[in-house]
C-alpha atoms as a PDB file:
ATOM      1  CA  UNK A   1      10.019 -53.657  33.553  1.00  0.00           C
ATOM      2  CA  UNK A   2      13.703 -54.627  32.453  1.00  0.00           C
ATOM      3  CA  UNK A   3      16.176 -54.720  35.349  1.00  0.00           C
ATOM      4  CA  UNK A   4      19.770 -53.316  34.537  1.00  0.00           C
ATOM      5  CA  UNK A   5      21.901 -55.807  36.134  1.00  0.00           C
ATOM      6  CA  UNK A   6      24.653 -54.044  35.660  1.00  0.00           C
ATOM      7  CA  UNK A   7      24.314 -51.058  37.772  1.00  0.00           C
ATOM      8  CA  UNK A   8      26.652 -50.545  40.904  1.00  0.00           C
ATOM      9  CA  UNK A   9      26.004 -52.053  44.148  1.00  0.00           C
ATOM     10  CA  UNK A  10      27.179 -51.662  47.553  1.00  0.00           C
ATOM     11  CA  UNK A  11      30.316 -54.002  48.803  1.00  0.00           C
ATOM     12  CA  UNK A  12      29.496 -57.494  50.092  1.00  0.00           C
ATOM     13  CA  UNK A  13      30.339 -58.055  53.687  1.00  0.00           C
ATOM     14  CA  UNK A  14      29.551 -60.622  56.280  1.00  0.00           C
ATOM     15  CA  UNK A  15      26.318 -60.253  58.713  1.00  0.00           C
ATOM     16  CA  UNK A  16      29.062 -59.241  61.241  1.00  0.00           C
ATOM     17  CA  UNK A  17      30.656 -56.529  59.126  1.00  0.00           C
ATOM     18  CA  UNK A  18      27.084 -55.198  57.855  1.00  0.00           C
ATOM     19  CA  UNK A  19      25.719 -55.399  61.243  1.00  0.00           C
ATOM     20  CA  UNK A  20      28.734 -53.190  62.443  1.00  0.00           C
ATOM     21  CA  UNK A  21      28.460 -50.539  60.256  1.00  0.00           C
ATOM     22  CA  UNK A  22      24.440 -50.110  60.273  1.00  0.00           C
ATOM     23  CA  UNK A  23      25.132 -49.892  64.233  1.00  0.00           C
ATOM     24  CA  UNK A  24      27.253 -46.466  63.515  1.00  0.00           C
ATOM     25  CA  UNK A  25      24.770 -45.509  61.417  1.00  0.00           C
ATOM     26  CA  UNK A  26      21.940 -45.810  63.756  1.00  0.00           C
ATOM     27  CA  UNK A  27      23.514 -43.534  66.133  1.00  0.00           C
ATOM     28  CA  UNK A  28      23.276 -40.870  63.380  1.00  0.00           C
ATOM     29  CA  UNK A  29      19.541 -42.144  62.883  1.00  0.00           C
ATOM     30  CA  UNK A  30      18.497 -41.572  66.356  1.00  0.00           C
ATOM     31  CA  UNK A  31      20.184 -38.075  66.584  1.00  0.00           C
ATOM     32  CA  UNK A  32      18.199 -37.525  63.632  1.00  0.00           C
ATOM     33  CA  UNK A  33      15.003 -38.436  65.266  1.00  0.00           C
ATOM     34  CA  UNK A  34      15.938 -36.335  68.382  1.00  0.00           C
ATOM     35  CA  UNK A  35      16.625 -33.324  66.307  1.00  0.00           C
ATOM     36  CA  UNK A  36      12.984 -33.776  64.554  1.00  0.00           C
ATOM     37  CA  UNK A  37      11.294 -33.896  67.989  1.00  0.00           C
ATOM     38  CA  UNK A  38      13.253 -30.693  69.126  1.00  0.00           C
ATOM     39  CA  UNK A  39      11.915 -29.231  65.585  1.00  0.00           C
ATOM     40  CA  UNK A  40       8.322 -30.608  66.307  1.00  0.00           C
ATOM     41  CA  UNK A  41       8.736 -29.184  69.755  1.00  0.00           C
ATOM     42  CA  UNK A  42       9.467 -25.575  68.607  1.00  0.00           C
ATOM     43  CA  UNK A  43       6.912 -25.849  65.979  1.00  0.00           C
ATOM     44  CA  UNK A  44       4.319 -26.075  68.670  1.00  0.00           C
ATOM     45  CA  UNK A  45       5.628 -22.804  70.382  1.00  0.00           C
ATOM     46  CA  UNK A  46       5.428 -20.192  67.033  1.00  0.00           C
ATOM     47  CA  UNK A  47       2.736 -17.485  67.704  1.00  0.00           C
ATOM     48  CA  UNK A  48      -0.077 -17.946  65.780  1.00  0.00           C
ATOM     49  CA  UNK A  49      -2.262 -15.087  63.385  1.00  0.00           C
ATOM     50  CA  UNK A  50      -5.449 -14.939  62.824  1.00  0.00           C
ATOM     51  CA  UNK A  51      -7.192 -15.658  59.672  1.00  0.00           C
ATOM     52  CA  UNK A  52     -11.117 -14.862  58.509  1.00  0.00           C
ATOM     53  CA  UNK A  53     -12.689 -17.783  59.658  1.00  0.00           C
ATOM     54  CA  UNK A  54     -15.838 -16.816  57.230  1.00  0.00           C
ATOM     55  CA  UNK A  55     -13.109 -17.323  54.567  1.00  0.00           C
ATOM     56  CA  UNK A  56     -15.631 -18.442  51.325  1.00  0.00           C
ATOM     57  CA  UNK A  57     -14.978 -21.794  50.086  1.00  0.00           C
ATOM     58  CA  UNK A  58     -17.158 -24.117  47.771  1.00  0.00           C
ATOM     59  CA  UNK A  59     -18.237 -27.792  49.059  1.00  0.00           C
ATOM     60  CA  UNK A  60     -20.501 -30.670  48.241  1.00  0.00           C
ATOM     61  CA  UNK A  61     -23.155 -28.747  49.422  1.00  0.00           C
ATOM     62  CA  UNK A  62     -22.624 -25.394  48.048  1.00  0.00           C
ATOM     63  CA  UNK A  63     -20.565 -22.344  49.735  1.00  0.00           C
ATOM     64  CA  UNK A  64     -19.057 -23.010  53.143  1.00  0.00           C
ATOM     65  CA  UNK A  65     -16.799 -21.041  55.523  1.00  0.00           C
ATOM     66  CA  UNK A  66     -13.123 -22.116  56.344  1.00  0.00           C
ATOM     67  CA  UNK A  67     -14.680 -22.525  59.942  1.00  0.00           C
ATOM     68  CA  UNK A  68     -17.317 -25.310  58.990  1.00  0.00           C
ATOM     69  CA  UNK A  69     -14.522 -26.964  56.924  1.00  0.00           C
ATOM     70  CA  UNK A  70     -12.842 -27.744  60.767  1.00  0.00           C
ATOM     71  CA  UNK A  71     -16.068 -30.233  60.980  1.00  0.00           C
ATOM     72  CA  UNK A  72     -16.344 -29.407  65.081  1.00  0.00           C
ATOM     73  CA  UNK A  73     -12.646 -30.390  65.437  1.00  0.00           C
ATOM     74  CA  UNK A  74     -10.346 -27.989  66.833  1.00  0.00           C
ATOM     75  CA  UNK A  75      -7.507 -28.288  64.481  1.00  0.00           C
ATOM     76  CA  UNK A  76      -7.562 -28.182  60.628  1.00  0.00           C
ATOM     77  CA  UNK A  77      -4.645 -29.325  58.206  1.00  0.00           C
ATOM     78  CA  UNK A  78      -5.182 -27.636  54.728  1.00  0.00           C
ATOM     79  CA  UNK A  79      -3.469 -28.690  51.438  1.00  0.00           C
ATOM     80  CA  UNK A  80      -3.687 -26.089  49.029  1.00  0.00           C
ATOM     81  CA  UNK A  81      -4.050 -28.157  45.561  1.00  0.00           C
ATOM     82  CA  UNK A  82      -2.287 -26.280  42.662  1.00  0.00           C
ATOM     83  CA  UNK A  83      -5.292 -26.226  39.586  1.00  0.00           C
ATOM     84  CA  UNK A  84      -4.603 -25.527  36.280  1.00  0.00           C
ATOM     85  CA  UNK A  85      -8.431 -24.461  35.216  1.00  0.00           C
ATOM     86  CA  UNK A  86      -9.821 -25.601  31.960  1.00  0.00           C
ATOM     87  CA  UNK A  87      -7.188 -28.136  31.030  1.00  0.00           C
ATOM     88  CA  UNK A  88      -7.306 -31.710  31.016  1.00  0.00           C
ATOM     89  CA  UNK A  89      -6.523 -34.412  33.877  1.00  0.00           C
ATOM     90  CA  UNK A  90      -3.333 -35.188  32.355  1.00  0.00           C
ATOM     91  CA  UNK A  91      -2.032 -31.807  32.372  1.00  0.00           C
ATOM     92  CA  UNK A  92      -3.020 -31.234  35.929  1.00  0.00           C
ATOM     93  CA  UNK A  93      -0.345 -30.899  38.555  1.00  0.00           C
ATOM     94  CA  UNK A  94       1.974 -34.192  39.166  1.00  0.00           C
ATOM     95  CA  UNK A  95       3.472 -33.124  42.540  1.00  0.00           C
ATOM     96  CA  UNK A  96       0.104 -32.418  43.791  1.00  0.00           C
ATOM     97  CA  UNK A  97      -1.423 -35.312  42.595  1.00  0.00           C
ATOM     98  CA  UNK A  98       1.619 -37.164  44.153  1.00  0.00           C
ATOM     99  CA  UNK A  99       1.397 -35.831  47.566  1.00  0.00           C
ATOM    100  CA  UNK A 100      -2.649 -36.113  47.721  1.00  0.00           C
ATOM    101  CA  UNK A 101      -2.888 -39.916  46.470  1.00  0.00           C
ATOM    102  CA  UNK A 102      -0.843 -40.504  49.687  1.00  0.00           C
ATOM    103  CA  UNK A 103      -2.867 -39.202  51.986  1.00  0.00           C
ATOM    104  CA  UNK A 104      -5.803 -41.643  52.661  1.00  0.00           C
ATOM    105  CA  UNK A 105      -7.255 -42.971  56.254  1.00  0.00           C
ATOM    106  CA  UNK A 106      -7.782 -40.128  58.248  1.00  0.00           C
ATOM    107  CA  UNK A 107      -9.436 -41.835  61.809  1.00  0.00           C
ATOM    108  CA  UNK A 108      -6.025 -41.267  63.314  1.00  0.00           C
ATOM    109  CA  UNK A 109      -6.068 -37.789  62.990  1.00  0.00           C
ATOM    110  CA  UNK A 110     -10.044 -37.359  63.877  1.00  0.00           C
ATOM    111  CA  UNK A 111      -8.887 -39.437  66.935  1.00  0.00           C
ATOM    112  CA  UNK A 112      -6.702 -36.513  67.854  1.00  0.00           C
ATOM    113  CA  UNK A 113      -9.370 -33.721  67.103  1.00  0.00           C
ATOM    114  CA  UNK A 114      -7.415 -32.925  63.821  1.00  0.00           C
ATOM    115  CA  UNK A 115      -9.615 -32.760  60.162  1.00  0.00           C
ATOM    116  CA  UNK A 116      -7.468 -32.957  57.158  1.00  0.00           C
ATOM    117  CA  UNK A 117      -9.035 -31.291  54.054  1.00  0.00           C
ATOM    118  CA  UNK A 118      -7.884 -30.296  50.539  1.00  0.00           C
ATOM    119  CA  UNK A 119      -8.241 -26.895  49.726  1.00  0.00           C
ATOM    120  CA  UNK A 120      -8.427 -26.848  45.518  1.00  0.00           C
ATOM    121  CA  UNK A 121      -6.925 -23.738  44.159  1.00  0.00           C
ATOM    122  CA  UNK A 122      -9.450 -24.309  41.208  1.00  0.00           C
ATOM    123  CA  UNK A 123     -13.302 -23.818  40.772  1.00  0.00           C
ATOM    124  CA  UNK A 124     -15.357 -26.976  42.625  1.00  0.00           C
ATOM    125  CA  UNK A 125     -17.323 -28.909  39.897  1.00  0.00           C
ATOM    126  CA  UNK A 126     -14.057 -29.312  37.771  1.00  0.00           C
ATOM    127  CA  UNK A 127     -11.510 -30.307  40.523  1.00  0.00           C
ATOM    128  CA  UNK A 128     -13.833 -32.509  42.263  1.00  0.00           C
ATOM    129  CA  UNK A 129     -14.422 -34.812  38.971  1.00  0.00           C
ATOM    130  CA  UNK A 130     -10.659 -34.834  39.509  1.00  0.00           C
ATOM    131  CA  UNK A 131     -10.647 -36.356  42.906  1.00  0.00           C
ATOM    132  CA  UNK A 132     -13.360 -38.288  41.862  1.00  0.00           C
ATOM    133  CA  UNK A 133     -11.220 -40.038  38.629  1.00  0.00           C
ATOM    134  CA  UNK A 134      -7.836 -40.693  41.501  1.00  0.00           C
ATOM    135  CA  UNK A 135     -10.803 -42.298  43.505  1.00  0.00           C
ATOM    136  CA  UNK A 136      -9.779 -40.192  46.866  1.00  0.00           C
ATOM    137  CA  UNK A 137     -12.120 -39.444  49.191  1.00  0.00           C
ATOM    138  CA  UNK A 138     -10.389 -36.911  51.566  1.00  0.00           C
ATOM    139  CA  UNK A 139     -12.776 -33.585  51.659  1.00  0.00           C
ATOM    140  CA  UNK A 140     -12.498 -31.349  49.240  1.00  0.00           C
ATOM    141  CA  UNK A 141     -13.348 -28.010  48.477  1.00  0.00           C
ATOM    142  CA  UNK A 142     -12.856 -25.119  46.145  1.00  0.00           C
ATOM    143  CA  UNK A 143     -10.465 -22.350  47.855  1.00  0.00           C
ATOM    144  CA  UNK A 144     -10.557 -19.745  44.679  1.00  0.00           C
ATOM    145  CA  UNK A 145     -12.436 -17.203  45.969  1.00  0.00           C
ATOM    146  CA  UNK A 146     -10.643 -16.976  49.321  1.00  0.00           C
ATOM    147  CA  UNK A 147      -7.371 -18.155  47.822  1.00  0.00           C
ATOM    148  CA  UNK A 148      -5.431 -15.088  47.975  1.00  0.00           C
ATOM    149  CA  UNK A 149      -6.327 -13.956  51.728  1.00  0.00           C
ATOM    150  CA  UNK A 150      -6.079 -17.692  52.578  1.00  0.00           C
ATOM    151  CA  UNK A 151      -2.256 -18.381  50.368  1.00  0.00           C
ATOM    152  CA  UNK A 152      -0.966 -14.243  50.813  1.00  0.00           C
ATOM    153  CA  UNK A 153       1.083 -14.939  48.248  1.00  0.00           C
ATOM    154  CA  UNK A 154       2.672 -17.986  49.203  1.00  0.00           C
ATOM    155  CA  UNK A 155       3.077 -21.006  47.414  1.00  0.00           C
ATOM    156  CA  UNK A 156       2.586 -22.299  44.398  1.00  0.00           C
ATOM    157  CA  UNK A 157       1.519 -25.399  46.587  1.00  0.00           C
ATOM    158  CA  UNK A 158       1.381 -25.167  50.745  1.00  0.00           C
ATOM    159  CA  UNK A 159       0.566 -27.447  53.640  1.00  0.00           C
ATOM    160  CA  UNK A 160      -1.226 -25.129  56.572  1.00  0.00           C
ATOM    161  CA  UNK A 161      -2.061 -26.228  59.816  1.00  0.00           C
ATOM    162  CA  UNK A 162      -5.045 -24.136  61.514  1.00  0.00           C
ATOM    163  CA  UNK A 163      -6.004 -24.096  65.198  1.00  0.00           C
ATOM    164  CA  UNK A 164     -10.174 -22.959  66.119  1.00  0.00           C
ATOM    165  CA  UNK A 165     -11.202 -21.053  69.320  1.00  0.00           C
ATOM    166  CA  UNK A 166     -14.630 -20.534  69.349  1.00  0.00           C
ATOM    167  CA  UNK A 167     -15.494 -19.145  66.259  1.00  0.00           C
ATOM    168  CA  UNK A 168     -12.671 -17.665  65.478  1.00  0.00           C
ATOM    169  CA  UNK A 169      -9.692 -19.192  63.087  1.00  0.00           C
ATOM    170  CA  UNK A 170      -5.865 -18.944  63.590  1.00  0.00           C
ATOM    171  CA  UNK A 171      -2.725 -20.299  61.367  1.00  0.00           C
ATOM    172  CA  UNK A 172      -0.099 -21.873  63.617  1.00  0.00           C
ATOM    173  CA  UNK A 173       2.327 -23.485  61.237  1.00  0.00           C
ATOM    174  CA  UNK A 174       2.906 -23.622  57.077  1.00  0.00           C
ATOM    175  CA  UNK A 175       5.466 -25.166  54.904  1.00  0.00           C
ATOM    176  CA  UNK A 176       5.762 -25.232  51.132  1.00  0.00           C
ATOM    177  CA  UNK A 177       8.348 -27.084  48.712  1.00  0.00           C
ATOM    178  CA  UNK A 178      10.164 -30.305  50.474  1.00  0.00           C
ATOM    179  CA  UNK A 179       8.542 -29.458  53.477  1.00  0.00           C
ATOM    180  CA  UNK A 180       5.054 -30.793  52.068  1.00  0.00           C
ATOM    181  CA  UNK A 181       6.928 -34.268  51.918  1.00  0.00           C
ATOM    182  CA  UNK A 182       5.572 -34.801  54.983  1.00  0.00           C
ATOM    183  CA  UNK A 183       2.328 -35.961  53.300  1.00  0.00           C
ATOM    184  CA  UNK A 184       3.862 -38.833  51.791  1.00  0.00           C
ATOM    185  CA  UNK A 185       5.651 -42.229  52.397  1.00  0.00           C
ATOM    186  CA  UNK A 186       7.122 -42.757  48.935  1.00  0.00           C
ATOM    187  CA  UNK A 187      10.109 -40.805  49.592  1.00  0.00           C
ATOM    188  CA  UNK A 188      10.708 -41.457  53.198  1.00  0.00           C
ATOM    189  CA  UNK A 189      11.123 -45.205  51.911  1.00  0.00           C
ATOM    190  CA  UNK A 190      12.788 -44.797  49.009  1.00  0.00           C
ATOM    191  CA  UNK A 191      15.469 -42.839  51.045  1.00  0.00           C
ATOM    192  CA  UNK A 192      16.029 -46.432  52.941  1.00  0.00           C
ATOM    193  CA  UNK A 193      16.848 -48.407  50.185  1.00  0.00           C
ATOM    194  CA  UNK A 194      20.355 -48.453  48.687  1.00  0.00           C
ATOM    195  CA  UNK A 195      19.562 -46.485  45.592  1.00  0.00           C
ATOM    196  CA  UNK A 196      17.528 -44.161  47.577  1.00  0.00           C
ATOM    197  CA  UNK A 197      15.277 -41.484  45.114  1.00  0.00           C
ATOM    198  CA  UNK A 198      17.402 -42.024  42.415  1.00  0.00           C
ATOM    199  CA  UNK A 199      17.950 -38.186  41.433  1.00  0.00           C
ATOM    200  CA  UNK A 200      20.865 -36.330  40.272  1.00  0.00           C
ATOM    201  CA  UNK A 201      20.717 -34.434  43.568  1.00  0.00           C
ATOM    202  CA  UNK A 202      21.580 -36.922  45.639  1.00  0.00           C
ATOM    203  CA  UNK A 203      24.892 -37.937  47.122  1.00  0.00           C
ATOM    204  CA  UNK A 204      25.281 -40.965  45.906  1.00  0.00           C
ATOM    205  CA  UNK A 205      28.394 -43.141  45.006  1.00  0.00           C
ATOM    206  CA  UNK A 206      29.972 -43.199  41.341  1.00  0.00           C
ATOM    207  CA  UNK A 207      27.529 -45.669  38.992  1.00  0.00           C
ATOM    208  CA  UNK A 208      24.436 -45.402  41.047  1.00  0.00           C
ATOM    209  CA  UNK A 209      21.797 -45.556  38.570  1.00  0.00           C
ATOM    210  CA  UNK A 210      19.558 -42.112  38.540  1.00  0.00           C
ATOM    211  CA  UNK A 211      16.139 -41.702  36.917  1.00  0.00           C
ATOM    212  CA  UNK A 212      16.209 -38.862  34.405  1.00  0.00           C
ATOM    213  CA  UNK A 213      13.148 -36.245  34.623  1.00  0.00           C
ATOM    214  CA  UNK A 214      10.034 -35.691  36.806  1.00  0.00           C
ATOM    215  CA  UNK A 215       8.926 -39.784  38.102  1.00  0.00           C
ATOM    216  CA  UNK A 216       5.857 -38.293  39.287  1.00  0.00           C
ATOM    217  CA  UNK A 217       4.760 -38.002  35.315  1.00  0.00           C
ATOM    218  CA  UNK A 218       5.025 -40.852  33.036  1.00  0.00           C
ATOM    219  CA  UNK A 219       4.066 -40.522  29.275  1.00  0.00           C
ATOM    220  CA  UNK A 220       2.593 -37.355  29.396  1.00  0.00           C
ATOM    221  CA  UNK A 221       0.665 -37.593  32.881  1.00  0.00           C
ATOM    222  CA  UNK A 222       0.629 -37.491  36.178  1.00  0.00           C
ATOM    223  CA  UNK A 223       1.976 -41.468  37.004  1.00  0.00           C
ATOM    224  CA  UNK A 224      -0.845 -42.198  39.319  1.00  0.00           C
ATOM    225  CA  UNK A 225      -3.783 -41.651  36.557  1.00  0.00           C
ATOM    226  CA  UNK A 226      -2.619 -44.556  34.740  1.00  0.00           C
ATOM    227  CA  UNK A 227      -3.936 -47.350  36.814  1.00  0.00           C
ATOM    228  CA  UNK A 228      -7.145 -45.350  37.140  1.00  0.00           C
ATOM    229  CA  UNK A 229      -7.399 -44.925  33.670  1.00  0.00           C
ATOM    230  CA  UNK A 230      -6.448 -48.929  33.085  1.00  0.00           C
ATOM    231  CA  UNK A 231      -9.247 -49.303  35.829  1.00  0.00           C
ATOM    232  CA  UNK A 232     -11.805 -47.904  33.156  1.00  0.00           C
ATOM    233  CA  UNK A 233     -12.330 -44.857  34.955  1.00  0.00           C
ATOM    234  CA  UNK A 234     -13.196 -41.248  32.920  1.00  0.00           C
ATOM    235  CA  UNK A 235     -10.845 -38.631  33.398  1.00  0.00           C
ATOM    236  CA  UNK A 236     -13.410 -36.136  32.034  1.00  0.00           C
ATOM    237  CA  UNK A 237     -13.320 -32.823  33.941  1.00  0.00           C
ATOM    238  CA  UNK A 238     -15.552 -30.977  31.905  1.00  0.00           C
ATOM    239  CA  UNK A 239     -18.871 -33.149  32.923  1.00  0.00           C
ATOM    240  CA  UNK A 240     -19.600 -34.354  29.568  1.00  0.00           C
ATOM    241  CA  UNK A 241     -19.965 -30.662  28.051  1.00  0.00           C
END
């Protein structure tokens, strides 16, 4: 990878000057954190709406209900993964691949009584091959038969939270667009670097490097697919047919 050594960079300061400006910024960072806590508190006080606990999904053992996806826990976080039925892996959603690739360790959610699952908008057999190609081990279901009822015209992708009370299921929160960034750490880490996300919409000083195009896709594929191909995994979603 070639590094551009001509890109603009911040002014140089001594340690004391640098720390003084960072301390001033830290006040704003703490205010931002506190406002996030206040928003989360308001989120916990939202009303909830009942959804069909018997909504049909398809999982590794066949048909299951939305209630069963909870795996006996009290809460469920579900990501509705976009799917292009009949299209090859290279043409699947780069954004959904970006976000789903970063949800890995689920034990900490489980310890709080929360299940995480991907509810794919496409057919199970085809889409689960994509999950396996990517090497993800999150619970994976097809919600294709119930997608209209569960998404209710929202999307095109969505993160939703549910609460189970006995045999009843309630939706307590949903978001889409940039709200889904909570699933990833990449943007949060980039936001702390001097050049940020390097996207044109950001407020950056003149001369800061920018990346044109969507860096969640590289050479025609979702970026994360390349390492899987290099490892020798098959991206055939047809099951050999």
